Each structure stands twice: as structure tokens, then as C-alpha cells.
């Protein structure tokens, strides 16, 4: 969820208020939640939150029983329809081939311009006993991790500066938190054609990522994530070759996976 506005300001927008509620309830461990508990979690007045909940219930997006709220069937219906039509569906076969070729976890990351964040939307898991499998559909920052850097390097300078102005928090002790240092890294990514990261998001994880270039520019990347103990220069070269081939294939299959442009035949 966005953190650049206080809750009260956000809740003047009824759609934003509803999205915050659905977002919070979707990640809860418990299937149902009370109004006051949810209000504390969101930092919202219970009275305004109650109005949002009741409006969502009118549309079957939420349902209530004995004062506790849970996700409604209409939301599950919509989610199912959207999932079936996802524009990145064609990535699966490419990621599976990449994972088989490298014996590591392969992922597709997409970038959201308004949020200045990215998330993994598809993956093919390594069959090795020691592996990294990042969570899908979870928003992640753009200043850390190979999959993010491969995209950010090709975004406009003004857009990058706006991102830097929001802050570059440390996720680990090796996360780049200086705009100047990050610009140096991104310049190298543009020259090399790929990004490499070590311990920037998760300790013990290394990543190699290549941007997916389409007619819409770069809004996504393909990556392989490897446990640090297996990563060396020889493996790095093998991964770069394999991920580069996968990125070229995805660019042809998907068009632009973010905006859903038609795939190039």
C-alpha cells in the first residue's frame, strides 16, 4: 500500500479506501476480521471504515456475519476472471525452459509506473533442495534486486529522480541507498545489458536479470535467483546467456506484459 499520504487523506477517495481494505484483508492470516481490529490496522476511524465496508457488501465484494467481515464471492469471481486473462500467461513456458536450463528459480517481474514498484507475476521454481522462491504478487521496491535494476536502468531520468526523492530505504546491509551510487550501477546495467545483485533484498540470494524490450520500452524483466553459495563467475556467465535468450523470447511472445500490447508474431 502507498505510504506517501496519511490514512485520513487517502480515505477522502472512496476507491482508495476500498482498495486499502481489500489489500489488508487479502493478506490477513484470519479469514474474518472485526471493524475495530481492521480500523487499528489501517489507522482509520471506525465510523468511516464501517461505511466503506457496507458499500463493499452491497456489491458482494465483502460479506459480514455477526459483526465480522470477510472477502465476498463477487471479489473471488472477478479475481478468477482477471487471472484467466492475465497478459503474462505466455511467460510460463519460457520461464519453465529457463529454470530447466539453469536449474534455478526463474521469474517475471513487472513495473507499475504510478506506484514506482515492481512485483513478480510468474515463476518456475528450481527443483533443487536449496533455492529461493520469492512471493508472487507482492509489491517490491525498485532500487534493490536485479529484476528491479534491469527495469529501472531503462526508465527516463526524470522518473528515476522522482523515485529517488521518495527515499531509498535499506532492506539489508548491502542495499544501495545513495542516488549517486545507484545511478552508477544503472549506467553499468545499460552498458552490460543485464543486472546482477547480491544480498540486496534477501540475504544469501544473488540474482541475474535482463530487461524485456518491447515497442512500449522496458516495463518488465526476467530474472534467475540463486543461493549465494552456488554463485560464481562461471555460473554468472551461464545465467546471463540463458536469461538474455529468455528475455528476447518473452519480448516476442508477450509484446508488453504490463499494458497488454499484442504479442509480436
C-alpha atoms as a PDB file:
ATOM      1  CA  UNK A   1       0.000   0.000   0.000  1.00  0.00           C
ATOM      2  CA  UNK A   2       1.175   3.528  -0.723  1.00  0.00           C
ATOM      3  CA  UNK A   3       2.793   5.272   2.209  1.00  0.00           C
ATOM      4  CA  UNK A   4       3.139   8.849   0.918  1.00  0.00           C
ATOM      5  CA  UNK A   5      -0.215  10.104   2.296  1.00  0.00           C
ATOM      6  CA  UNK A   6      -1.744   9.812   5.780  1.00  0.00           C
ATOM      7  CA  UNK A   7      -4.776   7.497   6.080  1.00  0.00           C
ATOM      8  CA  UNK A   8      -7.233  10.360   6.545  1.00  0.00           C
ATOM      9  CA  UNK A   9      -6.163  11.975   3.261  1.00  0.00           C
ATOM     10  CA  UNK A  10      -6.361   8.696   1.398  1.00  0.00           C
ATOM     11  CA  UNK A  11      -9.858   7.932   2.686  1.00  0.00           C
ATOM     12  CA  UNK A  12     -11.328  11.009   1.022  1.00  0.00           C
ATOM     13  CA  UNK A  13     -11.039   8.884  -2.106  1.00  0.00           C
ATOM     14  CA  UNK A  14     -13.633   6.109  -1.675  1.00  0.00           C
ATOM     15  CA  UNK A  15     -11.920   3.844  -4.220  1.00  0.00           C
ATOM     16  CA  UNK A  16      -8.575   4.200  -2.442  1.00  0.00           C
ATOM     17  CA  UNK A  17     -10.283   3.453   0.875  1.00  0.00           C
ATOM     18  CA  UNK A  18     -11.843   0.277  -0.522  1.00  0.00           C
ATOM     19  CA  UNK A  19      -8.562  -0.879  -2.071  1.00  0.00           C
ATOM     20  CA  UNK A  20      -6.779  -0.414   1.261  1.00  0.00           C
ATOM     21  CA  UNK A  21      -9.413  -2.553   2.963  1.00  0.00           C
ATOM     22  CA  UNK A  22      -9.275  -5.306   0.353  1.00  0.00           C
ATOM     23  CA  UNK A  23      -5.477  -5.257   0.368  1.00  0.00           C
ATOM     24  CA  UNK A  24      -5.329  -5.628   4.143  1.00  0.00           C
ATOM     25  CA  UNK A  25      -7.930  -8.394   4.278  1.00  0.00           C
ATOM     26  CA  UNK A  26      -6.309 -10.322   1.417  1.00  0.00           C
ATOM     27  CA  UNK A  27      -3.052 -10.779   3.352  1.00  0.00           C
ATOM     28  CA  UNK A  28      -4.538 -11.487   6.782  1.00  0.00           C
ATOM     29  CA  UNK A  29      -3.997 -14.882   8.355  1.00  0.00           C
ATOM     30  CA  UNK A  30      -7.569 -14.983   9.657  1.00  0.00           C
ATOM     31  CA  UNK A  31     -10.477 -15.268   7.183  1.00  0.00           C
ATOM     32  CA  UNK A  32     -12.634 -12.710   9.044  1.00  0.00           C
ATOM     33  CA  UNK A  33     -11.944  -9.503  10.955  1.00  0.00           C
ATOM     34  CA  UNK A  34     -13.874  -7.066  13.143  1.00  0.00           C
ATOM     35  CA  UNK A  35     -14.294  -3.383  12.327  1.00  0.00           C
ATOM     36  CA  UNK A  36     -12.235  -2.073  15.256  1.00  0.00           C
ATOM     37  CA  UNK A  37      -9.416  -4.521  14.604  1.00  0.00           C
ATOM     38  CA  UNK A  38      -9.305  -3.506  10.952  1.00  0.00           C
ATOM     39  CA  UNK A  39      -9.509   0.171  11.870  1.00  0.00           C
ATOM     40  CA  UNK A  40      -6.462  -0.167  14.146  1.00  0.00           C
ATOM     41  CA  UNK A  41      -4.552  -1.945  11.410  1.00  0.00           C
ATOM     42  CA  UNK A  42      -5.329   0.716   8.809  1.00  0.00           C
ATOM     43  CA  UNK A  43      -5.193   3.706  11.136  1.00  0.00           C
ATOM     44  CA  UNK A  44      -8.723   4.657  10.068  1.00  0.00           C
ATOM     45  CA  UNK A  45     -11.725   5.965  12.017  1.00  0.00           C
ATOM     46  CA  UNK A  46     -14.117   3.043  12.642  1.00  0.00           C
ATOM     47  CA  UNK A  47     -17.117   5.106  11.504  1.00  0.00           C
ATOM     48  CA  UNK A  48     -15.728   5.887   8.040  1.00  0.00           C
ATOM     49  CA  UNK A  49     -14.371   2.350   7.729  1.00  0.00           C
ATOM     50  CA  UNK A  50     -17.844   0.969   8.519  1.00  0.00           C
ATOM     51  CA  UNK A  51     -19.268   2.961   5.590  1.00  0.00           C
ATOM     52  CA  UNK A  52     -16.638   1.543   3.255  1.00  0.00           C
ATOM     53  CA  UNK A  53     -17.371  -1.994   4.423  1.00  0.00           C
ATOM     54  CA  UNK A  54     -21.117  -1.597   3.990  1.00  0.00           C
ATOM     55  CA  UNK A  55     -20.707  -0.155   0.477  1.00  0.00           C
ATOM     56  CA  UNK A  56     -18.499  -3.103  -0.466  1.00  0.00           C
ATOM     57  CA  UNK A  57     -21.056  -5.513   0.993  1.00  0.00           C
ATOM     58  CA  UNK A  58     -23.764  -4.006  -1.224  1.00  0.00           C
ATOM     59  CA  UNK A  59     -21.666  -5.148  -4.202  1.00  0.00           C
ATOM     60  CA  UNK A  60     -20.844  -8.558  -2.666  1.00  0.00           C
ATOM     61  CA  UNK A  61     -17.142  -7.638  -2.563  1.00  0.00           C
ATOM     62  CA  UNK A  62     -17.283  -8.255   1.194  1.00  0.00           C
ATOM     63  CA  UNK A  63     -19.687 -10.112   3.445  1.00  0.00           C
ATOM     64  CA  UNK A  64     -20.375  -9.897   7.175  1.00  0.00           C
ATOM     65  CA  UNK A  65     -21.523 -12.357   9.828  1.00  0.00           C
ATOM     66  CA  UNK A  66     -22.006 -11.445  13.497  1.00  0.00           C
ATOM     67  CA  UNK A  67     -20.027  -8.232  13.102  1.00  0.00           C
ATOM     68  CA  UNK A  68     -17.016  -9.834  11.391  1.00  0.00           C
ATOM     69  CA  UNK A  69     -16.072  -9.183   7.806  1.00  0.00           C
ATOM     70  CA  UNK A  70     -14.597 -11.407   5.110  1.00  0.00           C
ATOM     71  CA  UNK A  71     -13.943 -11.275   1.376  1.00  0.00           C
ATOM     72  CA  UNK A  72     -17.067 -11.736  -0.721  1.00  0.00           C
ATOM     73  CA  UNK A  73     -17.852 -14.063  -3.586  1.00  0.00           C
ATOM     74  CA  UNK A  74     -18.034 -11.294  -6.182  1.00  0.00           C
ATOM     75  CA  UNK A  75     -14.406 -10.435  -5.441  1.00  0.00           C
ATOM     76  CA  UNK A  76     -13.379 -14.068  -5.953  1.00  0.00           C
ATOM     77  CA  UNK A  77     -15.344 -14.152  -9.215  1.00  0.00           C
ATOM     78  CA  UNK A  78     -13.633 -11.054 -10.552  1.00  0.00           C
ATOM     79  CA  UNK A  79     -10.209 -12.275  -9.448  1.00  0.00           C
ATOM     80  CA  UNK A  80     -10.762 -15.571 -11.241  1.00  0.00           C
ATOM     81  CA  UNK A  81     -11.746 -13.838 -14.480  1.00  0.00           C
ATOM     82  CA  UNK A  82      -8.789 -11.477 -14.360  1.00  0.00           C
ATOM     83  CA  UNK A  83      -6.369 -14.305 -13.601  1.00  0.00           C
ATOM     84  CA  UNK A  84      -7.554 -16.238 -16.644  1.00  0.00           C
ATOM     85  CA  UNK A  85      -6.983 -13.220 -18.892  1.00  0.00           C
ATOM     86  CA  UNK A  86      -3.613 -12.179 -17.492  1.00  0.00           C
ATOM     87  CA  UNK A  87      -1.411 -10.781 -20.293  1.00  0.00           C
ATOM     88  CA  UNK A  88       1.686 -12.567 -18.991  1.00  0.00           C
ATOM     89  CA  UNK A  89       0.154 -16.044 -19.330  1.00  0.00           C
ATOM     90  CA  UNK A  90       2.521 -16.771 -22.220  1.00  0.00           C
ATOM     91  CA  UNK A  91       5.547 -16.366 -19.964  1.00  0.00           C
ATOM     92  CA  UNK A  92       5.084 -19.731 -18.271  1.00  0.00           C
ATOM     93  CA  UNK A  93       6.643 -21.907 -20.948  1.00  0.00           C
ATOM     94  CA  UNK A  94       9.655 -19.589 -21.300  1.00  0.00           C
ATOM     95  CA  UNK A  95      10.242 -19.477 -17.541  1.00  0.00           C
ATOM     96  CA  UNK A  96       9.972 -23.241 -17.280  1.00  0.00           C
ATOM     97  CA  UNK A  97      12.561 -23.668 -20.040  1.00  0.00           C
ATOM     98  CA  UNK A  98      14.840 -21.134 -18.338  1.00  0.00           C
ATOM     99  CA  UNK A  99      14.522 -22.920 -14.996  1.00  0.00           C
ATOM    100  CA  UNK A 100      15.277 -26.271 -16.593  1.00  0.00           C
ATOM    101  CA  UNK A 101      18.312 -24.824 -18.396  1.00  0.00           C
ATOM    102  CA  UNK A 102      19.773 -23.146 -15.291  1.00  0.00           C
ATOM    103  CA  UNK A 103      18.345 -25.441 -12.578  1.00  0.00           C
ATOM    104  CA  UNK A 104      17.411 -22.288 -10.675  1.00  0.00           C
ATOM    105  CA  UNK A 105      14.210 -20.331  -9.983  1.00  0.00           C
ATOM    106  CA  UNK A 106      13.128 -18.142 -12.918  1.00  0.00           C
ATOM    107  CA  UNK A 107      10.807 -15.159 -12.537  1.00  0.00           C
ATOM    108  CA  UNK A 108       8.982 -12.479 -14.498  1.00  0.00           C
ATOM    109  CA  UNK A 109       8.865  -9.032 -12.862  1.00  0.00           C
ATOM    110  CA  UNK A 110       6.594  -6.173 -13.964  1.00  0.00           C
ATOM    111  CA  UNK A 111       6.786  -2.481 -13.083  1.00  0.00           C
ATOM    112  CA  UNK A 112       3.991  -0.119 -12.077  1.00  0.00           C
ATOM    113  CA  UNK A 113       4.738   3.499 -13.003  1.00  0.00           C
ATOM    114  CA  UNK A 114       2.293   5.099 -10.583  1.00  0.00           C
ATOM    115  CA  UNK A 115       3.468   3.078  -7.593  1.00  0.00           C
ATOM    116  CA  UNK A 116       7.155   3.135  -8.563  1.00  0.00           C
ATOM    117  CA  UNK A 117       7.247  -0.510  -7.508  1.00  0.00           C
ATOM    118  CA  UNK A 118       7.520  -3.922  -9.156  1.00  0.00           C
ATOM    119  CA  UNK A 119       6.287  -7.392  -8.416  1.00  0.00           C
ATOM    120  CA  UNK A 120       6.868 -10.947  -9.570  1.00  0.00           C
ATOM    121  CA  UNK A 121       3.840 -12.196 -11.503  1.00  0.00           C
ATOM    122  CA  UNK A 122       5.047 -15.583 -12.769  1.00  0.00           C
ATOM    123  CA  UNK A 123       7.694 -18.101 -11.713  1.00  0.00           C
ATOM    124  CA  UNK A 124       9.161 -21.511 -12.464  1.00  0.00           C
ATOM    125  CA  UNK A 125      10.706 -22.995  -9.347  1.00  0.00           C
ATOM    126  CA  UNK A 126      14.047 -24.715  -9.105  1.00  0.00           C
ATOM    127  CA  UNK A 127      13.874 -28.394  -8.163  1.00  0.00           C
ATOM    128  CA  UNK A 128      16.996 -28.098  -6.003  1.00  0.00           C
ATOM    129  CA  UNK A 129      16.589 -28.583  -2.265  1.00  0.00           C
ATOM    130  CA  UNK A 130      18.249 -25.216  -1.525  1.00  0.00           C
ATOM    131  CA  UNK A 131      16.527 -22.480  -3.538  1.00  0.00           C
ATOM    132  CA  UNK A 132      14.958 -19.055  -3.375  1.00  0.00           C
ATOM    133  CA  UNK A 133      11.283 -18.674  -4.265  1.00  0.00           C
ATOM    134  CA  UNK A 134      10.142 -15.049  -3.822  1.00  0.00           C
ATOM    135  CA  UNK A 135       6.468 -14.393  -3.155  1.00  0.00           C
ATOM    136  CA  UNK A 136       4.349 -13.637  -6.201  1.00  0.00           C
ATOM    137  CA  UNK A 137       2.063 -10.584  -6.419  1.00  0.00           C
ATOM    138  CA  UNK A 138       3.805  -8.695  -3.634  1.00  0.00           C
ATOM    139  CA  UNK A 139       4.916  -5.112  -4.293  1.00  0.00           C
ATOM    140  CA  UNK A 140       8.672  -4.612  -4.003  1.00  0.00           C
ATOM    141  CA  UNK A 141      10.928  -1.542  -4.265  1.00  0.00           C
ATOM    142  CA  UNK A 142      12.702  -0.538  -7.458  1.00  0.00           C
ATOM    143  CA  UNK A 143      16.120   0.348  -6.034  1.00  0.00           C
ATOM    144  CA  UNK A 144      17.134  -3.149  -4.943  1.00  0.00           C
ATOM    145  CA  UNK A 145      17.363  -6.527  -6.638  1.00  0.00           C
ATOM    146  CA  UNK A 146      18.472  -7.464 -10.143  1.00  0.00           C
ATOM    147  CA  UNK A 147      14.940  -7.702 -11.559  1.00  0.00           C
ATOM    148  CA  UNK A 148      14.239  -4.118 -10.437  1.00  0.00           C
ATOM    149  CA  UNK A 149      17.554  -2.663 -11.587  1.00  0.00           C
ATOM    150  CA  UNK A 150      17.207  -4.223 -15.045  1.00  0.00           C
ATOM    151  CA  UNK A 151      13.982  -2.240 -15.483  1.00  0.00           C
ATOM    152  CA  UNK A 152      14.971   0.962 -13.685  1.00  0.00           C
ATOM    153  CA  UNK A 153      18.106   1.371 -15.790  1.00  0.00           C
ATOM    154  CA  UNK A 154      15.917   1.924 -18.843  1.00  0.00           C
ATOM    155  CA  UNK A 155      13.326   4.250 -17.332  1.00  0.00           C
ATOM    156  CA  UNK A 156      13.540   8.014 -18.048  1.00  0.00           C
ATOM    157  CA  UNK A 157      15.910  10.035 -15.882  1.00  0.00           C
ATOM    158  CA  UNK A 158      13.130  12.289 -14.561  1.00  0.00           C
ATOM    159  CA  UNK A 159      11.198   9.214 -13.484  1.00  0.00           C
ATOM    160  CA  UNK A 160      14.235   7.820 -11.685  1.00  0.00           C
ATOM    161  CA  UNK A 161      14.800  11.138  -9.906  1.00  0.00           C
ATOM    162  CA  UNK A 162      11.209  11.101  -8.703  1.00  0.00           C
ATOM    163  CA  UNK A 163      11.794   7.628  -7.311  1.00  0.00           C
ATOM    164  CA  UNK A 164      14.950   8.736  -5.509  1.00  0.00           C
ATOM    165  CA  UNK A 165      13.092  11.681  -3.957  1.00  0.00           C
ATOM    166  CA  UNK A 166      10.741   9.216  -2.262  1.00  0.00           C
ATOM    167  CA  UNK A 167      13.686   7.692  -0.422  1.00  0.00           C
ATOM    168  CA  UNK A 168      15.853   4.608  -0.849  1.00  0.00           C
ATOM    169  CA  UNK A 169      15.432   2.610   2.378  1.00  0.00           C
ATOM    170  CA  UNK A 170      17.870  -0.148   3.281  1.00  0.00           C
ATOM    171  CA  UNK A 171      16.377  -3.635   3.044  1.00  0.00           C
ATOM    172  CA  UNK A 172      19.672  -5.299   4.005  1.00  0.00           C
ATOM    173  CA  UNK A 173      23.133  -4.061   4.875  1.00  0.00           C
ATOM    174  CA  UNK A 174      24.106  -4.144   1.180  1.00  0.00           C
ATOM    175  CA  UNK A 175      21.094  -2.314  -0.289  1.00  0.00           C
ATOM    176  CA  UNK A 176      22.131   0.751  -2.299  1.00  0.00           C
ATOM    177  CA  UNK A 177      20.680   3.808  -0.556  1.00  0.00           C
ATOM    178  CA  UNK A 178      22.503   6.603  -2.403  1.00  0.00           C
ATOM    179  CA  UNK A 179      21.044   8.027  -5.618  1.00  0.00           C
ATOM    180  CA  UNK A 180      24.524   8.725  -6.966  1.00  0.00           C
ATOM    181  CA  UNK A 181      25.720   5.175  -6.297  1.00  0.00           C
ATOM    182  CA  UNK A 182      22.538   3.744  -7.799  1.00  0.00           C
ATOM    183  CA  UNK A 183      22.965   5.846 -10.956  1.00  0.00           C
ATOM    184  CA  UNK A 184      26.482   4.414 -11.363  1.00  0.00           C
ATOM    185  CA  UNK A 185      25.111   0.883 -11.097  1.00  0.00           C
ATOM    186  CA  UNK A 186      22.304   1.594 -13.572  1.00  0.00           C
ATOM    187  CA  UNK A 187      24.772   3.040 -16.077  1.00  0.00           C
ATOM    188  CA  UNK A 188      26.686  -0.238 -15.934  1.00  0.00           C
ATOM    189  CA  UNK A 189      23.449  -2.196 -16.418  1.00  0.00           C
ATOM    190  CA  UNK A 190      22.741  -0.235 -19.594  1.00  0.00           C
ATOM    191  CA  UNK A 191      26.232  -0.974 -20.929  1.00  0.00           C
ATOM    192  CA  UNK A 192      26.247  -4.665 -19.934  1.00  0.00           C
ATOM    193  CA  UNK A 193      22.657  -5.398 -20.923  1.00  0.00           C
ATOM    194  CA  UNK A 194      21.935  -7.186 -17.633  1.00  0.00           C
ATOM    195  CA  UNK A 195      21.819  -6.580 -13.881  1.00  0.00           C
ATOM    196  CA  UNK A 196      23.407  -8.582 -11.074  1.00  0.00           C
ATOM    197  CA  UNK A 197      22.613  -8.256  -7.373  1.00  0.00           C
ATOM    198  CA  UNK A 198      23.852  -9.862  -4.179  1.00  0.00           C
ATOM    199  CA  UNK A 199      22.026  -9.731  -0.820  1.00  0.00           C
ATOM    200  CA  UNK A 200      20.161  -6.522  -1.739  1.00  0.00           C
ATOM    201  CA  UNK A 201      16.658  -7.749  -0.882  1.00  0.00           C
ATOM    202  CA  UNK A 202      17.226 -11.137   0.763  1.00  0.00           C
ATOM    203  CA  UNK A 203      20.439 -12.124   2.499  1.00  0.00           C
ATOM    204  CA  UNK A 204      22.033 -15.126   0.833  1.00  0.00           C
ATOM    205  CA  UNK A 205      20.386 -14.504  -2.534  1.00  0.00           C
ATOM    206  CA  UNK A 206      22.013 -13.497  -5.806  1.00  0.00           C
ATOM    207  CA  UNK A 207      20.137 -12.538  -8.945  1.00  0.00           C
ATOM    208  CA  UNK A 208      20.736 -12.024 -12.647  1.00  0.00           C
ATOM    209  CA  UNK A 209      18.115 -10.152 -14.661  1.00  0.00           C
ATOM    210  CA  UNK A 210      17.669  -8.861 -18.197  1.00  0.00           C
ATOM    211  CA  UNK A 211      15.153  -6.223 -19.329  1.00  0.00           C
ATOM    212  CA  UNK A 212      12.363  -7.255 -21.680  1.00  0.00           C
ATOM    213  CA  UNK A 213      12.459  -4.726 -24.501  1.00  0.00           C
ATOM    214  CA  UNK A 214       9.227  -4.133 -26.436  1.00  0.00           C
ATOM    215  CA  UNK A 215       7.660  -1.395 -28.529  1.00  0.00           C
ATOM    216  CA  UNK A 216       6.471   0.124 -25.236  1.00  0.00           C
ATOM    217  CA  UNK A 217      10.032   0.333 -23.906  1.00  0.00           C
ATOM    218  CA  UNK A 218      11.067  -1.532 -20.757  1.00  0.00           C
ATOM    219  CA  UNK A 219       8.397  -2.242 -18.150  1.00  0.00           C
ATOM    220  CA  UNK A 220       9.385  -5.781 -17.181  1.00  0.00           C
ATOM    221  CA  UNK A 221      12.340  -8.103 -16.736  1.00  0.00           C
ATOM    222  CA  UNK A 222      13.141 -11.793 -16.488  1.00  0.00           C
ATOM    223  CA  UNK A 223      15.399 -12.987 -13.704  1.00  0.00           C
ATOM    224  CA  UNK A 224      17.015 -16.026 -12.151  1.00  0.00           C
ATOM    225  CA  UNK A 225      17.579 -16.102  -8.385  1.00  0.00           C
ATOM    226  CA  UNK A 226      20.367 -18.262  -6.961  1.00  0.00           C
ATOM    227  CA  UNK A 227      21.520 -19.062  -3.413  1.00  0.00           C
ATOM    228  CA  UNK A 228      24.749 -17.139  -2.819  1.00  0.00           C
ATOM    229  CA  UNK A 229      26.799 -20.267  -2.128  1.00  0.00           C
ATOM    230  CA  UNK A 230      26.260 -21.501  -5.705  1.00  0.00           C
ATOM    231  CA  UNK A 231      27.041 -18.203  -7.421  1.00  0.00           C
ATOM    232  CA  UNK A 232      30.434 -17.710  -9.080  1.00  0.00           C
ATOM    233  CA  UNK A 233      31.785 -16.115 -12.259  1.00  0.00           C
ATOM    234  CA  UNK A 234      31.356 -19.265 -14.322  1.00  0.00           C
ATOM    235  CA  UNK A 235      27.719 -19.619 -13.287  1.00  0.00           C
ATOM    236  CA  UNK A 236      27.170 -15.894 -13.803  1.00  0.00           C
ATOM    237  CA  UNK A 237      28.142 -16.164 -17.483  1.00  0.00           C
ATOM    238  CA  UNK A 238      25.880 -19.167 -17.973  1.00  0.00           C
ATOM    239  CA  UNK A 239      22.986 -17.355 -16.326  1.00  0.00           C
ATOM    240  CA  UNK A 240      23.484 -14.173 -18.338  1.00  0.00           C
ATOM    241  CA  UNK A 241      23.382 -16.139 -21.594  1.00  0.00           C
ATOM    242  CA  UNK A 242      20.291 -18.087 -20.584  1.00  0.00           C
ATOM    243  CA  UNK A 243      18.372 -15.106 -19.164  1.00  0.00           C
ATOM    244  CA  UNK A 244      19.213 -12.947 -22.189  1.00  0.00           C
ATOM    245  CA  UNK A 245      17.733 -15.573 -24.507  1.00  0.00           C
ATOM    246  CA  UNK A 246      14.629 -15.847 -22.314  1.00  0.00           C
ATOM    247  CA  UNK A 247      14.141 -12.059 -22.284  1.00  0.00           C
ATOM    248  CA  UNK A 248      14.320 -11.936 -26.086  1.00  0.00           C
ATOM    249  CA  UNK A 249      11.769 -14.739 -26.331  1.00  0.00           C
ATOM    250  CA  UNK A 250       9.425 -13.075 -23.845  1.00  0.00           C
ATOM    251  CA  UNK A 251       9.637  -9.777 -25.700  1.00  0.00           C
ATOM    252  CA  UNK A 252       8.355 -11.517 -28.818  1.00  0.00           C
ATOM    253  CA  UNK A 253       5.695 -13.614 -27.071  1.00  0.00           C
ATOM    254  CA  UNK A 254       4.232 -11.002 -24.776  1.00  0.00           C
ATOM    255  CA  UNK A 255       4.571  -7.693 -26.511  1.00  0.00           C
ATOM    256  CA  UNK A 256       4.377  -5.570 -23.373  1.00  0.00           C
ATOM    257  CA  UNK A 257       3.179  -7.648 -20.371  1.00  0.00           C
ATOM    258  CA  UNK A 258       2.209  -4.556 -18.423  1.00  0.00           C
ATOM    259  CA  UNK A 259      -0.009  -2.733 -20.893  1.00  0.00           C
ATOM    260  CA  UNK A 260      -1.059  -5.889 -22.717  1.00  0.00           C
ATOM    261  CA  UNK A 261       0.055  -4.947 -26.224  1.00  0.00           C
ATOM    262  CA  UNK A 262      -0.447  -7.688 -28.772  1.00  0.00           C
ATOM    263  CA  UNK A 263       2.365 -10.196 -28.994  1.00  0.00           C
ATOM    264  CA  UNK A 264       4.698  -9.936 -31.950  1.00  0.00           C
ATOM    265  CA  UNK A 265       4.118 -12.828 -34.343  1.00  0.00           C
END
